[in-house]
C-alpha atoms as a PDB file:
ATOM      1  CA  MET A   1     -44.891 -21.652 126.383  1.00  0.00           C
ATOM      2  CA  LYS A   2     -41.285 -22.708 127.306  1.00  0.00           C
ATOM      3  CA  ASN A   3     -41.478 -25.132 124.124  1.00  0.00           C
ATOM      4  CA  GLY A   4     -42.720 -22.258 122.128  1.00  0.00           C
ATOM      5  CA  ILE A   5     -39.738 -20.115 123.163  1.00  0.00           C
ATOM      6  CA  ILE A   6     -37.187 -22.890 122.293  1.00  0.00           C
ATOM      7  CA  VAL A   7     -38.878 -23.395 118.919  1.00  0.00           C
ATOM      8  CA  LEU A   8     -38.434 -19.556 118.398  1.00  0.00           C
ATOM      9  CA  PHE A   9     -35.026 -19.507 119.639  1.00  0.00           C
ATOM     10  CA  ILE A  10     -33.823 -22.024 117.416  1.00  0.00           C
ATOM     11  CA  LEU A  11     -35.893 -20.616 114.175  1.00  0.00           C
ATOM     12  CA  GLY A  12     -34.543 -17.515 115.387  1.00  0.00           C
ATOM     13  CA  ILE A  13     -31.014 -18.451 114.297  1.00  0.00           C
ATOM     14  CA  LEU A  14     -33.489 -18.263 110.963  1.00  0.00           C
ATOM     15  CA  SER A  15     -34.001 -14.492 110.704  1.00  0.00           C
ATOM     16  CA  LEU A  16     -30.319 -12.395 111.533  1.00  0.00           C
ATOM     17  CA  SER A  17     -28.949  -7.589 109.670  1.00  0.00           C
ATOM     18  CA  SER A  18     -25.757  -6.046 109.633  1.00  0.00           C
ATOM     19  CA  CYS A  19     -23.183  -4.068 109.102  1.00  0.00           C
ATOM     20  CA  LYS A  20     -19.723  -5.469 108.431  1.00  0.00           C
ATOM     21  CA  GLU A  21     -19.844  -9.293 109.519  1.00  0.00           C
ATOM     22  CA  THR A  22     -17.354 -11.298 108.630  1.00  0.00           C
ATOM     23  CA  LYS A  23     -16.015 -15.200 108.639  1.00  0.00           C
ATOM     24  CA  THR A  24     -13.510 -14.729 111.364  1.00  0.00           C
ATOM     25  CA  ASP A  25     -16.128 -12.562 113.261  1.00  0.00           C
ATOM     26  CA  LEU A  26     -18.478 -15.676 113.391  1.00  0.00           C
ATOM     27  CA  VAL A  27     -16.224 -18.234 113.600  1.00  0.00           C
ATOM     28  CA  GLY A  28     -16.764 -19.953 117.222  1.00  0.00           C
ATOM     29  CA  GLU A  29     -18.898 -20.806 120.249  1.00  0.00           C
ATOM     30  CA  TRP A  30     -21.676 -18.524 121.119  1.00  0.00           C
ATOM     31  CA  ARG A  31     -23.777 -18.436 124.126  1.00  0.00           C
ATOM     32  CA  LEU A  32     -27.163 -16.890 124.812  1.00  0.00           C
ATOM     33  CA  GLU A  33     -26.943 -13.800 127.040  1.00  0.00           C
ATOM     34  CA  LYS A  34     -30.968 -12.939 126.359  1.00  0.00           C
ATOM     35  CA  MET A  35     -34.089 -12.767 124.298  1.00  0.00           C
ATOM     36  CA  ASP A  36     -36.443  -9.702 124.426  1.00  0.00           C
ATOM     37  CA  LEU A  37     -39.705 -11.423 123.162  1.00  0.00           C
ATOM     38  CA  ALA A  38     -41.978  -8.829 122.443  1.00  0.00           C
ATOM     39  CA  GLY A  39     -41.073  -6.335 125.592  1.00  0.00           C
ATOM     40  CA  GLU A  40     -40.970  -9.400 127.799  1.00  0.00           C
ATOM     41  CA  GLU A  41     -36.845 -10.517 128.594  1.00  0.00           C
ATOM     42  CA  ILE A  42     -36.365 -14.211 128.977  1.00  0.00           C
ATOM     43  CA  PHE A  43     -32.436 -14.717 129.868  1.00  0.00           C
ATOM     44  CA  ALA A  44     -30.351 -17.462 128.866  1.00  0.00           C
ATOM     45  CA  ASN A  45     -30.890 -19.485 132.668  1.00  0.00           C
ATOM     46  CA  VAL A  46     -34.863 -19.967 131.656  1.00  0.00           C
ATOM     47  CA  LEU A  47     -33.783 -22.047 128.170  1.00  0.00           C
ATOM     48  CA  ALA A  48     -31.147 -24.218 129.623  1.00  0.00           C
ATOM     49  CA  ASN A  49     -28.044 -21.884 128.485  1.00  0.00           C
ATOM     50  CA  PRO A  50     -27.969 -22.018 124.946  1.00  0.00           C
ATOM     51  CA  THR A  51     -25.041 -22.742 122.757  1.00  0.00           C
ATOM     52  CA  TYR A  52     -24.282 -21.522 118.850  1.00  0.00           C
ATOM     53  CA  THR A  53     -21.300 -22.701 118.005  1.00  0.00           C
ATOM     54  CA  PHE A  54     -19.680 -21.853 114.368  1.00  0.00           C
ATOM     55  CA  ASN A  55     -16.789 -23.802 113.346  1.00  0.00           C
ATOM     56  CA  GLN A  56     -14.209 -22.786 110.489  1.00  0.00           C
ATOM     57  CA  ASP A  57     -15.138 -25.402 108.021  1.00  0.00           C
ATOM     58  CA  LYS A  58     -18.586 -24.027 108.133  1.00  0.00           C
ATOM     59  CA  THR A  59     -20.571 -26.321 110.422  1.00  0.00           C
ATOM     60  CA  TYR A  60     -22.686 -25.370 113.019  1.00  0.00           C
ATOM     61  CA  LEU A  61     -24.194 -26.706 116.103  1.00  0.00           C
ATOM     62  CA  ILE A  62     -26.869 -25.345 117.992  1.00  0.00           C
ATOM     63  CA  ARG A  63     -27.780 -26.468 121.484  1.00  0.00           C
ATOM     64  CA  ALA A  64     -30.984 -25.835 123.517  1.00  0.00           C
ATOM     65  CA  SER A  65     -33.098 -27.567 126.027  1.00  0.00           C
ATOM     66  CA  GLY A  66     -31.452 -30.824 125.526  1.00  0.00           C
ATOM     67  CA  GLN A  67     -31.837 -30.399 121.510  1.00  0.00           C
ATOM     68  CA  THR A  68     -29.377 -30.606 119.043  1.00  0.00           C
ATOM     69  CA  GLU A  69     -29.317 -29.110 115.178  1.00  0.00           C
ATOM     70  CA  THR A  70     -26.629 -29.571 113.158  1.00  0.00           C
ATOM     71  CA  GLY A  71     -25.531 -28.396 109.655  1.00  0.00           C
ATOM     72  CA  THR A  72     -23.707 -25.753 107.340  1.00  0.00           C
ATOM     73  CA  TRP A  73     -23.155 -22.351 107.515  1.00  0.00           C
ATOM     74  CA  LYS A  74     -22.138 -19.444 104.753  1.00  0.00           C
ATOM     75  CA  LEU A  75     -22.213 -15.415 104.827  1.00  0.00           C
ATOM     76  CA  LYS A  76     -23.785 -13.974 101.995  1.00  0.00           C
ATOM     77  CA  GLU A  77     -23.898 -10.441 101.771  1.00  0.00           C
ATOM     78  CA  ASN A  78     -25.640  -9.413 104.571  1.00  0.00           C
ATOM     79  CA  LYS A  79     -27.006 -12.754 105.421  1.00  0.00           C
ATOM     80  CA  LEU A  80     -26.290 -15.759 107.488  1.00  0.00           C
ATOM     81  CA  VAL A  81     -27.165 -18.452 105.257  1.00  0.00           C
ATOM     82  CA  LEU A  82     -27.747 -21.756 107.376  1.00  0.00           C
ATOM     83  CA  PHE A  83     -28.758 -25.667 105.876  1.00  0.00           C
ATOM     84  CA  SER A  84     -30.117 -27.889 108.610  1.00  0.00           C
ATOM     85  CA  LYS A  85     -29.259 -31.270 108.141  1.00  0.00           C
ATOM     86  CA  GLU A  86     -32.083 -32.602 110.702  1.00  0.00           C
ATOM     87  CA  LEU A  87     -34.637 -29.683 108.882  1.00  0.00           C
ATOM     88  CA  ASP A  88     -33.336 -30.299 105.216  1.00  0.00           C
ATOM     89  CA  LYS A  89     -34.002 -26.484 105.210  1.00  0.00           C
ATOM     90  CA  GLU A  90     -32.229 -23.825 104.107  1.00  0.00           C
ATOM     91  CA  THR A  91     -32.411 -20.826 106.119  1.00  0.00           C
ATOM     92  CA  ASN A  92     -31.720 -16.768 105.392  1.00  0.00           C
ATOM     93  CA  ILE A  93     -30.932 -14.825 108.094  1.00  0.00           C
ATOM     94  CA  ASP A  94     -30.704 -10.766 108.499  1.00  0.00           C
ATOM     95  CA  ILE A  95     -27.739  -9.657 110.790  1.00  0.00           C
ATOM     96  CA  GLN A  96     -28.177  -6.891 112.975  1.00  0.00           C
ATOM     97  CA  THR A  97     -24.714  -6.434 114.662  1.00  0.00           C
ATOM     98  CA  LEU A  98     -22.117  -9.069 114.483  1.00  0.00           C
ATOM     99  CA  THR A  99     -18.665  -7.904 116.046  1.00  0.00           C
ATOM    100  CA  PRO A 100     -15.926 -10.252 117.547  1.00  0.00           C
ATOM    101  CA  GLU A 101     -18.011 -10.468 120.808  1.00  0.00           C
ATOM    102  CA  SER A 102     -22.036  -9.753 119.925  1.00  0.00           C
ATOM    103  CA  LEU A 103     -23.799 -11.107 117.476  1.00  0.00           C
ATOM    104  CA  ILE A 104     -27.790  -9.647 117.671  1.00  0.00           C
ATOM    105  CA  TYR A 105     -30.769 -11.070 115.571  1.00  0.00           C
ATOM    106  CA  LYS A 106     -34.252 -10.564 115.430  1.00  0.00           C
ATOM    107  CA  ILE A 107     -37.007 -13.467 115.280  1.00  0.00           C
ATOM    108  CA  GLY A 108     -40.642 -13.821 114.920  1.00  0.00           C
ATOM    109  CA  GLU A 109     -43.456 -12.172 112.616  1.00  0.00           C
ATOM    110  CA  ASP A 110     -42.646  -8.400 112.069  1.00  0.00           C
ATOM    111  CA  ASN A 111     -38.992  -9.094 113.415  1.00  0.00           C
ATOM    112  CA  ILE A 112     -40.783  -8.145 117.181  1.00  0.00           C
ATOM    113  CA  SER A 113     -38.241 -10.007 119.356  1.00  0.00           C
ATOM    114  CA  THR A 114     -34.538  -9.565 119.049  1.00  0.00           C
ATOM    115  CA  VAL A 115     -31.842 -12.154 120.258  1.00  0.00           C
ATOM    116  CA  TYR A 116     -28.238 -11.625 122.039  1.00  0.00           C
ATOM    117  CA  LEU A 117     -25.625 -13.910 122.271  1.00  0.00           C
ATOM    118  CA  ILE A 118     -22.384 -13.099 123.209  1.00  0.00           C
ATOM    119  CA  LYS A 119     -18.887 -15.131 123.207  1.00  0.00           C
END
């Protein structure tokens, strides 16, 4: 179950819907506050306190349970577009909420789960 959650978490950055997000709001280090997986709350400590870092030069680093993913990012309309070096894959994420202090996005089939990140 933990590996499945980790995969969903990392892939979760693959499905972020929002209002007026800006590059400035996204840049910085984010940490997982919690995930709501189909009604079950999972807190960051269960997943070894994952972090996302979005740099000004449009590179990113995700650290989760001893694993890392790096690549480049861009904001395009209401989407966060990630290109993973490790996966050699581009992913478009619909942002739900992006403020200077909060990033919330949906993951999973039918967006059944929600990920809450904070700075």
